[in-house]
Amino acid sequence: MRLRHADGSTVHLGYCTNVHPAENLPGILAQLDTYAVAVRRDLDADLLGLGLWLAAPAAAALAADPAARRRLRHELTVRGLEVVTLNGFPYAAFHAPVVKGAVYHPNWTTPARLAYTLDLARVLADLLPDDAARGSISTLPVAWRTPWDAGRAESARRMLDALAAGLAAVQRDTGRVVRVGFEPEPGCLVESTGQARTVLSAMDTERLGICLDLAHLACAWEAPADALAGLRDAGLPVVKVQVSAAVEAPDPAGATDALRRFVEPRFLHQTRAAGCADAPDPADPAYAADDLGAALDARLPGAWRVHYHVPLHAPPEPPLRSTVPVLRAALAALFAGPAAGCDHLDVETYTWGVLPVARRPRGDAELAAGIAAELAFARDELTNLGLATVAGVPS
């Protein structure tokens, strides 16, 4: 979907396809028909945006084959779909039975991560609609926080320099601008926007910036307006926003049974107590655990926020709640002013398949309906801030 900000800019809103497991082109095309077309119809939208996830092998194959890229763009267009952004965080096997910490590998100290991201940039340059101002790719916030040392930091610096140079080459070759956003996430080297200002301030901010995931922002217990002001002061652009909500437990001791229903084996659900916001290290074990089960065992003090994306329109049952108020504050800080703070937004609830059993969709149609309801929720939040929906046809 496209919306128009009062400043005249187009704001693209879509959903991230990392909720679906396919990792090759035939599977991706099947996803479009099973889910994306159904979502577009549920929304009665002329045009639906996708934040496409391409696993590394699929990205490499497409980057090497112009005909395959043309075919993919055609298949998107005839279905009323468009792509301005890609999710380049998971490298592959994102729906394996156990993902956990594997999602942070390969990291930004490795040539493999660089090659994958530049493959994505080459693909995206050919998928972008003709009238899109630019493309964006989200990626992991450099690496998991441990192990880390001066040698790894130097390797990462070289890779980020090579990334900026590679994106410049894509622009020279195609005439299209593609930017990469590093996504602060609990437990990583860059967990918060404050750490982003420290770790990422020396990178090429013409082509590199921040992907702001609003569930992660909430888990860091950051105030959205302050976080965004800090990024602006540091000259770090927000190139993409992931519109997401986390689980909040105001009284974890009284919500143990409800929280245990969210413990599951596939993904990490990093948990942060409110005190982490004032701690020198937000991953201090006095306030933080790297998974929800560990937090329950440790009995962290105070209110908790859990890195567990929950559907925007359907918060968990009391005594739990979602961090939608943080989402609303962030969107207001980004879009209520005279200029749009970002032009690429993705709803990114990849956890539909691991929600507590009573909340999981039963079949493809229910999943498509749930994604459509999330997009409608996000669209309505934006129109409440003064943005206007615009009709569009694929170009």
Protein backbone atom coordinates (compact mmCIF):
# COMPACT_ATOMS: atom_id res chain seq x y z
CA MET A 1 0.00 0.00 0.00
CA ARG A 2 1.03 3.55 -0.62
CA LEU A 3 0.27 6.58 1.49
CA ARG A 4 1.01 10.25 0.97
CA HIS A 5 2.57 12.39 3.68
CA ALA A 6 1.73 16.08 3.96
CA ASP A 7 5.22 16.86 2.64
CA GLY A 8 4.24 15.19 -0.65
CA SER A 9 6.42 12.10 -0.22
CA THR A 10 5.18 8.57 -0.84
CA VAL A 11 5.29 6.24 2.14
CA HIS A 12 5.31 2.54 1.27
CA LEU A 13 3.62 0.09 3.66
CA GLY A 14 3.82 -3.67 3.22
CA TYR A 15 4.37 -6.89 5.12
CA CYS A 16 7.53 -8.92 5.47
CA THR A 17 7.44 -12.35 3.86
CA ASN A 18 9.85 -13.92 6.34
CA VAL A 19 6.65 -15.22 7.95
CA HIS A 20 6.60 -17.76 5.08
CA PRO A 21 9.14 -20.59 4.81
CA ALA A 22 9.90 -20.88 1.06
CA GLU A 23 13.57 -20.40 0.11
CA ASN A 24 13.62 -20.89 -3.68
CA LEU A 25 11.95 -19.08 -6.57
CA PRO A 26 9.16 -21.63 -7.20
CA GLY A 27 8.29 -21.59 -3.50
CA ILE A 28 8.35 -17.80 -3.40
CA LEU A 29 5.99 -17.58 -6.37
CA ALA A 30 3.66 -20.04 -4.67
CA GLN A 31 3.69 -17.79 -1.58
CA LEU A 32 2.47 -14.89 -3.66
CA ASP A 33 -0.66 -16.76 -4.70
CA THR A 34 -1.32 -18.45 -1.37
CA TYR A 35 -0.87 -15.43 0.86
CA ALA A 36 0.01 -12.09 -0.76
CA VAL A 37 -2.80 -12.06 -3.31
CA ALA A 38 -5.27 -13.09 -0.61
CA VAL A 39 -4.01 -10.31 1.68
CA ARG A 40 -4.39 -7.73 -1.08
CA ARG A 41 -7.94 -8.88 -1.76
CA ASP A 42 -8.83 -8.85 1.94
CA LEU A 43 -7.66 -5.24 2.08
CA ASP A 44 -9.41 -4.34 -1.19
CA ALA A 45 -6.13 -2.68 -2.20
CA ASP A 46 -5.06 -1.89 -5.75
CA LEU A 47 -1.45 -2.48 -4.80
CA LEU A 48 0.19 -4.38 -1.96
CA GLY A 49 3.77 -3.92 -0.88
CA LEU A 50 5.94 -6.85 0.14
CA GLY A 51 9.09 -6.75 2.22
CA LEU A 52 10.49 -9.76 0.42
CA TRP A 53 12.74 -12.23 2.23
CA LEU A 54 15.12 -14.08 -0.08
CA ALA A 55 17.38 -16.72 1.46
CA ALA A 56 21.02 -16.49 0.39
CA PRO A 57 20.87 -19.25 -2.28
CA ALA A 58 17.80 -17.68 -3.90
CA ALA A 59 19.39 -14.21 -3.78
CA ALA A 60 22.57 -15.50 -5.42
CA ALA A 61 20.64 -17.28 -8.17
CA LEU A 62 18.56 -14.19 -8.94
CA ALA A 63 21.57 -11.87 -8.84
CA ALA A 64 23.28 -14.05 -11.46
CA ASP A 65 20.25 -14.31 -13.78
CA PRO A 66 18.70 -11.14 -15.26
CA ALA A 67 15.96 -13.19 -16.92
CA ALA A 68 14.92 -14.63 -13.56
CA ARG A 69 14.76 -11.13 -12.07
CA ARG A 70 12.58 -9.97 -14.95
CA ARG A 71 10.33 -12.96 -14.44
CA LEU A 72 9.99 -12.26 -10.70
CA ARG A 73 9.15 -8.62 -11.32
CA HIS A 74 6.55 -9.64 -13.91
CA GLU A 75 5.00 -12.16 -11.51
CA LEU A 76 4.75 -9.45 -8.86
CA THR A 77 3.24 -6.93 -11.25
CA VAL A 78 0.50 -9.16 -12.62
CA ARG A 79 -0.61 -9.92 -9.04
CA GLY A 80 -0.81 -6.27 -7.98
CA LEU A 81 2.28 -6.52 -5.78
CA GLU A 82 5.38 -4.36 -5.48
CA VAL A 83 8.71 -4.56 -3.67
CA VAL A 84 10.72 -1.57 -2.45
CA THR A 85 12.42 -3.31 0.46
CA LEU A 86 14.03 -6.66 1.24
CA ASN A 87 14.70 -8.35 4.56
CA GLY A 88 18.37 -9.36 4.55
CA PHE A 89 18.63 -10.31 8.23
CA PRO A 90 18.06 -14.10 8.14
CA TYR A 91 20.63 -15.68 5.81
CA ALA A 92 18.82 -19.01 5.33
CA ALA A 93 16.80 -21.70 7.12
CA PHE A 94 14.70 -19.16 9.03
CA HIS A 95 11.97 -21.73 9.55
CA ALA A 96 14.18 -24.59 10.68
CA PRO A 97 12.90 -26.38 13.81
CA VAL A 98 15.52 -24.50 15.85
CA VAL A 99 16.86 -21.12 14.71
CA LYS A 100 17.80 -19.28 17.93
CA GLY A 101 21.31 -17.77 17.66
CA ALA A 102 21.96 -19.17 14.17
CA VAL A 103 20.07 -16.19 12.72
CA TYR A 104 23.08 -13.97 13.55
CA HIS A 105 25.42 -15.94 11.31
CA PRO A 106 27.18 -15.18 9.08
CA ASN A 107 27.72 -11.76 10.62
CA TRP A 108 29.26 -8.55 9.33
CA THR A 109 32.82 -9.71 9.95
CA THR A 110 32.46 -12.20 7.07
CA PRO A 111 32.61 -11.96 3.27
CA ALA A 112 29.54 -14.21 3.10
CA ARG A 113 27.32 -11.56 4.71
CA LEU A 114 28.70 -8.90 2.37
CA ALA A 115 28.15 -11.07 -0.72
CA TYR A 116 24.59 -11.91 0.32
CA THR A 117 23.66 -8.28 0.92
CA LEU A 118 25.10 -7.09 -2.39
CA ASP A 119 23.26 -9.91 -4.17
CA LEU A 120 20.07 -8.57 -2.58
CA ALA A 121 20.91 -5.04 -3.73
CA ARG A 122 21.36 -6.21 -7.32
CA VAL A 123 18.05 -8.05 -7.21
CA LEU A 124 16.18 -5.15 -5.61
CA ALA A 125 17.47 -2.65 -8.17
CA ASP A 126 15.58 -4.62 -10.84
CA LEU A 127 12.45 -5.20 -8.74
CA LEU A 128 11.89 -1.55 -7.77
CA PRO A 129 8.86 0.13 -9.31
CA ASP A 130 9.81 2.72 -11.89
CA ASP A 131 8.51 5.56 -9.72
CA ALA A 132 10.09 4.41 -6.43
CA ALA A 133 12.58 6.90 -5.02
CA ARG A 134 14.88 4.19 -3.68
CA GLY A 135 15.11 0.69 -2.26
CA SER A 136 16.08 -0.54 1.19
CA ILE A 137 17.48 -3.70 2.77
CA SER A 138 17.42 -4.49 6.48
CA THR A 139 20.28 -6.42 8.03
CA LEU A 140 21.53 -7.60 11.39
CA PRO A 141 23.17 -5.11 13.77
CA VAL A 142 26.71 -6.22 12.91
CA ALA A 143 26.88 -9.34 15.12
CA TRP A 144 25.80 -10.99 18.33
CA ARG A 145 27.51 -9.17 21.19
CA THR A 146 29.90 -12.02 22.04
CA PRO A 147 32.58 -12.84 21.15
CA TRP A 148 33.78 -9.39 20.13
CA ASP A 149 37.24 -7.85 20.05
CA ALA A 150 39.36 -5.32 18.16
CA GLY A 151 40.13 -7.76 15.35
CA ARG A 152 36.45 -8.46 14.73
CA ALA A 153 35.67 -4.74 14.88
CA GLU A 154 38.28 -4.05 12.21
CA SER A 155 36.90 -6.83 10.00
CA ALA A 156 33.40 -5.39 10.33
CA ARG A 157 34.66 -1.90 9.47
CA ARG A 158 36.20 -3.22 6.27
CA MET A 159 33.01 -5.07 5.35
CA LEU A 160 30.84 -1.99 5.88
CA ASP A 161 33.19 0.09 3.74
CA ALA A 162 32.98 -2.57 1.04
CA LEU A 163 29.20 -2.61 1.37
CA ALA A 164 28.97 1.13 0.76
CA ALA A 165 31.27 0.81 -2.24
CA GLY A 166 29.21 -2.08 -3.59
CA LEU A 167 25.96 -0.13 -3.24
CA ALA A 168 27.55 2.77 -5.11
CA ALA A 169 28.48 0.34 -7.89
CA VAL A 170 24.88 -0.91 -8.06
CA GLN A 171 23.72 2.67 -8.46
CA ARG A 172 26.25 3.32 -11.23
CA ASP A 173 25.20 0.15 -13.05
CA THR A 174 21.43 0.48 -12.68
CA GLY A 175 20.65 4.09 -11.85
CA ARG A 176 18.77 2.90 -8.73
CA VAL A 177 19.58 3.84 -5.14
CA VAL A 178 19.56 1.03 -2.58
CA ARG A 179 20.29 1.70 1.09
CA VAL A 180 20.99 -0.78 3.89
CA GLY A 181 19.63 -0.38 7.42
CA PHE A 182 21.25 -2.03 10.43
CA GLU A 183 18.55 -3.23 12.81
CA PRO A 184 19.22 -2.83 16.56
CA GLU A 185 18.12 -5.98 18.35
CA PRO A 186 18.35 -7.19 21.95
CA GLY A 187 21.49 -9.21 22.65
CA CYS A 188 23.42 -7.93 19.65
CA LEU A 189 26.45 -5.69 19.40
CA VAL A 190 23.99 -2.91 18.59
CA GLU A 191 21.04 -3.46 20.92
CA SER A 192 19.74 0.09 21.20
CA THR A 193 19.79 3.33 19.25
CA GLY A 194 22.29 4.60 21.81
CA GLN A 195 24.66 1.78 20.90
CA ALA A 196 23.98 2.47 17.21
CA ARG A 197 25.24 6.01 17.67
CA THR A 198 28.46 4.64 19.17
CA VAL A 199 29.13 1.65 16.92
CA LEU A 200 27.82 2.86 13.57
CA SER A 201 28.54 6.59 13.56
CA ALA A 202 31.59 6.28 11.29
CA MET A 203 29.85 4.46 8.43
CA ASP A 204 28.84 5.97 5.09
CA THR A 205 25.46 7.45 5.99
CA GLU A 206 24.60 8.28 2.39
CA ARG A 207 23.99 4.58 1.75
CA LEU A 208 23.91 3.01 5.23
CA GLY A 209 21.62 3.76 8.13
CA ILE A 210 19.22 2.24 10.64
CA CYS A 211 16.30 -0.15 10.31
CA LEU A 212 14.14 0.69 13.32
CA ASP A 213 12.17 -2.30 14.54
CA LEU A 214 9.55 -0.95 16.94
CA ALA A 215 9.32 -4.15 18.99
CA HIS A 216 13.09 -4.05 19.52
CA LEU A 217 12.89 -0.36 20.41
CA ALA A 218 10.31 -1.21 23.05
CA CYS A 219 12.41 -4.07 24.45
CA ALA A 220 15.30 -1.64 24.95
CA TRP A 221 12.89 0.51 26.98
CA GLU A 222 13.79 3.51 24.85
CA ALA A 223 11.47 6.50 24.51
CA PRO A 224 10.76 6.73 20.76
CA ALA A 225 11.02 10.52 20.44
CA ASP A 226 14.32 10.58 22.32
CA ALA A 227 15.70 7.65 20.33
CA LEU A 228 14.84 9.26 17.01
CA ALA A 229 16.25 12.61 18.10
CA GLY A 230 19.48 10.89 19.06
CA LEU A 231 19.74 9.22 15.66
CA ARG A 232 19.13 12.55 13.91
CA ASP A 233 21.77 14.25 16.03
CA ALA A 234 24.24 11.50 15.12
CA GLY A 235 23.41 11.83 11.42
CA LEU A 236 22.12 8.25 11.20
CA PRO A 237 19.15 8.05 8.80
CA VAL A 238 16.23 5.72 9.43
CA VAL A 239 16.06 3.92 6.08
CA LYS A 240 13.33 1.47 7.08
CA VAL A 241 10.86 0.91 9.92
CA GLN A 242 9.53 -2.49 10.95
CA VAL A 243 6.10 -1.93 12.44
CA SER A 244 5.99 -4.52 15.20
CA ALA A 245 4.91 -5.02 18.79
CA ALA A 246 6.46 -7.08 21.60
CA VAL A 247 5.01 -8.80 24.66
CA GLU A 248 4.92 -6.79 27.89
CA ALA A 249 4.45 -8.20 31.39
CA PRO A 250 3.89 -5.40 33.93
CA ASP A 251 3.97 -8.00 36.75
CA PRO A 252 5.94 -11.06 35.56
CA ALA A 253 5.54 -12.86 38.89
CA GLY A 254 1.77 -12.76 38.45
CA ALA A 255 1.95 -13.75 34.78
CA THR A 256 4.21 -16.80 34.92
CA ASP A 257 1.70 -19.21 33.44
CA ALA A 258 0.84 -16.82 30.61
CA LEU A 259 4.51 -16.18 29.85
CA ARG A 260 5.33 -19.88 29.78
CA ARG A 261 2.87 -20.29 26.91
CA PHE A 262 5.22 -18.09 24.85
CA VAL A 263 8.31 -20.26 25.49
CA GLU A 264 9.01 -22.15 22.26
CA PRO A 265 12.02 -23.82 20.60
CA ARG A 266 12.48 -22.00 17.29
CA PHE A 267 13.33 -18.36 17.93
CA LEU A 268 15.18 -16.42 20.62
CA HIS A 269 12.89 -14.28 22.76
CA GLN A 270 15.30 -11.95 24.50
CA THR A 271 13.76 -10.47 27.63
CA ARG A 272 14.59 -7.12 29.19
CA ALA A 273 13.45 -5.74 32.54
CA ALA A 274 12.76 -2.03 32.80
CA GLY A 275 16.01 -1.40 34.69
CA CYS A 276 18.06 -2.19 31.57
CA ALA A 277 17.33 1.31 30.25
CA ASP A 278 19.49 2.85 32.97
CA ALA A 279 22.18 0.15 33.08
CA PRO A 280 25.58 0.82 31.42
CA ASP A 281 25.13 -2.51 29.63
CA PRO A 282 21.55 -3.25 28.47
CA ALA A 283 22.40 -6.97 28.42
CA ASP A 284 23.45 -6.93 32.10
CA PRO A 285 22.16 -10.24 33.50
CA ALA A 286 20.69 -8.37 36.45
CA TYR A 287 18.08 -7.01 34.03
CA ALA A 288 18.37 -9.15 30.90
CA ALA A 289 18.09 -12.71 29.65
CA ASP A 290 18.78 -14.02 26.18
CA ASP A 291 15.61 -16.12 26.06
CA LEU A 292 12.26 -16.07 27.79
CA GLY A 293 12.77 -19.39 29.57
CA ALA A 294 16.00 -18.10 31.07
CA ALA A 295 14.24 -14.93 32.23
CA LEU A 296 11.59 -17.00 33.97
CA ASP A 297 14.30 -19.05 35.69
CA ALA A 298 16.21 -15.92 36.71
CA ARG A 299 13.11 -14.07 37.94
CA LEU A 300 14.30 -10.75 36.61
CA PRO A 301 13.03 -7.79 38.67
CA GLY A 302 10.38 -5.32 37.59
CA ALA A 303 8.28 -5.15 34.44
CA TRP A 304 9.45 -7.11 31.39
CA ARG A 305 9.36 -6.70 27.65
CA VAL A 306 9.91 -9.81 25.57
CA HIS A 307 11.24 -9.91 22.01
CA TYR A 308 8.28 -11.85 20.74
CA HIS A 309 6.43 -10.20 17.87
CA VAL A 310 2.68 -10.40 18.43
CA PRO A 311 -0.02 -9.43 15.93
CA LEU A 312 -0.55 -5.69 15.98
CA HIS A 313 -4.33 -5.89 16.14
CA ALA A 314 -4.56 -8.79 18.60
CA PRO A 315 -2.63 -8.28 21.86
CA PRO A 316 -1.95 -11.24 24.15
CA GLU A 317 -4.53 -12.07 26.77
CA PRO A 318 -4.28 -10.35 30.18
CA PRO A 319 -2.31 -10.11 32.38
CA LEU A 320 0.06 -9.69 29.42
CA ARG A 321 -0.22 -6.86 26.95
CA SER A 322 1.60 -5.64 23.86
CA THR A 323 3.88 -2.65 23.28
CA VAL A 324 1.51 -1.02 20.78
CA PRO A 325 1.67 2.26 22.79
CA VAL A 326 5.40 2.41 21.97
CA LEU A 327 4.58 1.72 18.32
CA ARG A 328 2.08 4.59 18.29
CA ALA A 329 4.56 6.98 19.90
CA ALA A 330 7.23 6.02 17.37
CA LEU A 331 4.93 6.49 14.38
CA ALA A 332 3.87 9.87 15.76
CA ALA A 333 7.51 10.92 16.15
CA LEU A 334 8.22 9.79 12.59
CA PHE A 335 5.16 11.08 10.76
CA ALA A 336 3.21 13.68 12.74
CA GLY A 337 5.65 16.46 11.89
CA PRO A 338 6.08 18.49 8.71
CA ALA A 339 8.39 15.90 7.09
CA ALA A 340 8.16 12.12 6.93
CA GLY A 341 10.86 10.44 9.00
CA CYS A 342 11.02 7.37 6.75
CA ASP A 343 9.37 6.12 3.56
CA HIS A 344 9.59 2.32 3.89
CA LEU A 345 7.48 0.50 6.50
CA ASP A 346 7.07 -3.24 6.92
CA VAL A 347 4.74 -5.09 9.26
CA GLU A 348 7.03 -7.87 10.50
CA THR A 349 5.23 -10.49 12.56
CA TYR A 350 7.19 -13.61 11.64
CA THR A 351 6.02 -15.52 14.73
CA TRP A 352 2.47 -16.43 13.66
CA GLY A 353 3.44 -20.11 13.47
CA VAL A 354 4.86 -20.27 17.00
CA LEU A 355 2.22 -18.25 18.85
CA PRO A 356 0.52 -19.99 21.77
CA VAL A 357 -1.65 -22.69 20.24
CA ALA A 358 -4.95 -20.91 20.87
CA ARG A 359 -3.68 -17.86 18.94
CA ARG A 360 -2.15 -19.62 15.91
CA PRO A 361 -3.92 -19.41 12.56
CA ARG A 362 -5.57 -22.60 11.42
CA GLY A 363 -4.59 -22.83 7.79
CA ASP A 364 -3.49 -20.51 5.02
CA ALA A 365 -6.68 -18.46 4.83
CA GLU A 366 -6.55 -17.55 8.53
CA LEU A 367 -2.89 -16.54 8.24
CA ALA A 368 -3.65 -14.32 5.23
CA ALA A 369 -6.59 -12.77 7.09
CA GLY A 370 -4.40 -12.10 10.12
CA ILE A 371 -1.71 -10.41 8.03
CA ALA A 372 -4.38 -8.29 6.33
CA ALA A 373 -5.76 -7.25 9.72
CA GLU A 374 -2.26 -6.18 10.83
CA LEU A 375 -1.78 -4.12 7.68
CA ALA A 376 -5.19 -2.51 8.15
CA PHE A 377 -4.20 -1.64 11.72
CA ALA A 378 -0.92 -0.06 10.57
CA ARG A 379 -2.64 1.81 7.73
CA ASP A 380 -5.22 3.21 10.12
CA GLU A 381 -2.54 4.35 12.56
CA LEU A 382 -0.85 6.24 9.72
CA THR A 383 -4.04 7.81 8.39
CA ASN A 384 -4.85 8.93 11.94
CA LEU A 385 -1.56 10.85 11.78
CA GLY A 386 -2.70 12.64 8.63
CA LEU A 387 -1.28 10.45 5.89
CA ALA A 388 -3.62 9.74 2.99
CA THR A 389 -3.95 6.43 1.19
CA VAL A 390 -3.33 6.66 -2.54
CA ALA A 391 -4.43 4.37 -5.31
CA GLY A 392 -1.62 2.72 -7.21
CA VAL A 393 -0.97 0.25 -9.93
CA PRO A 394 2.29 -1.68 -10.32
CA SER A 395 4.82 0.05 -12.54
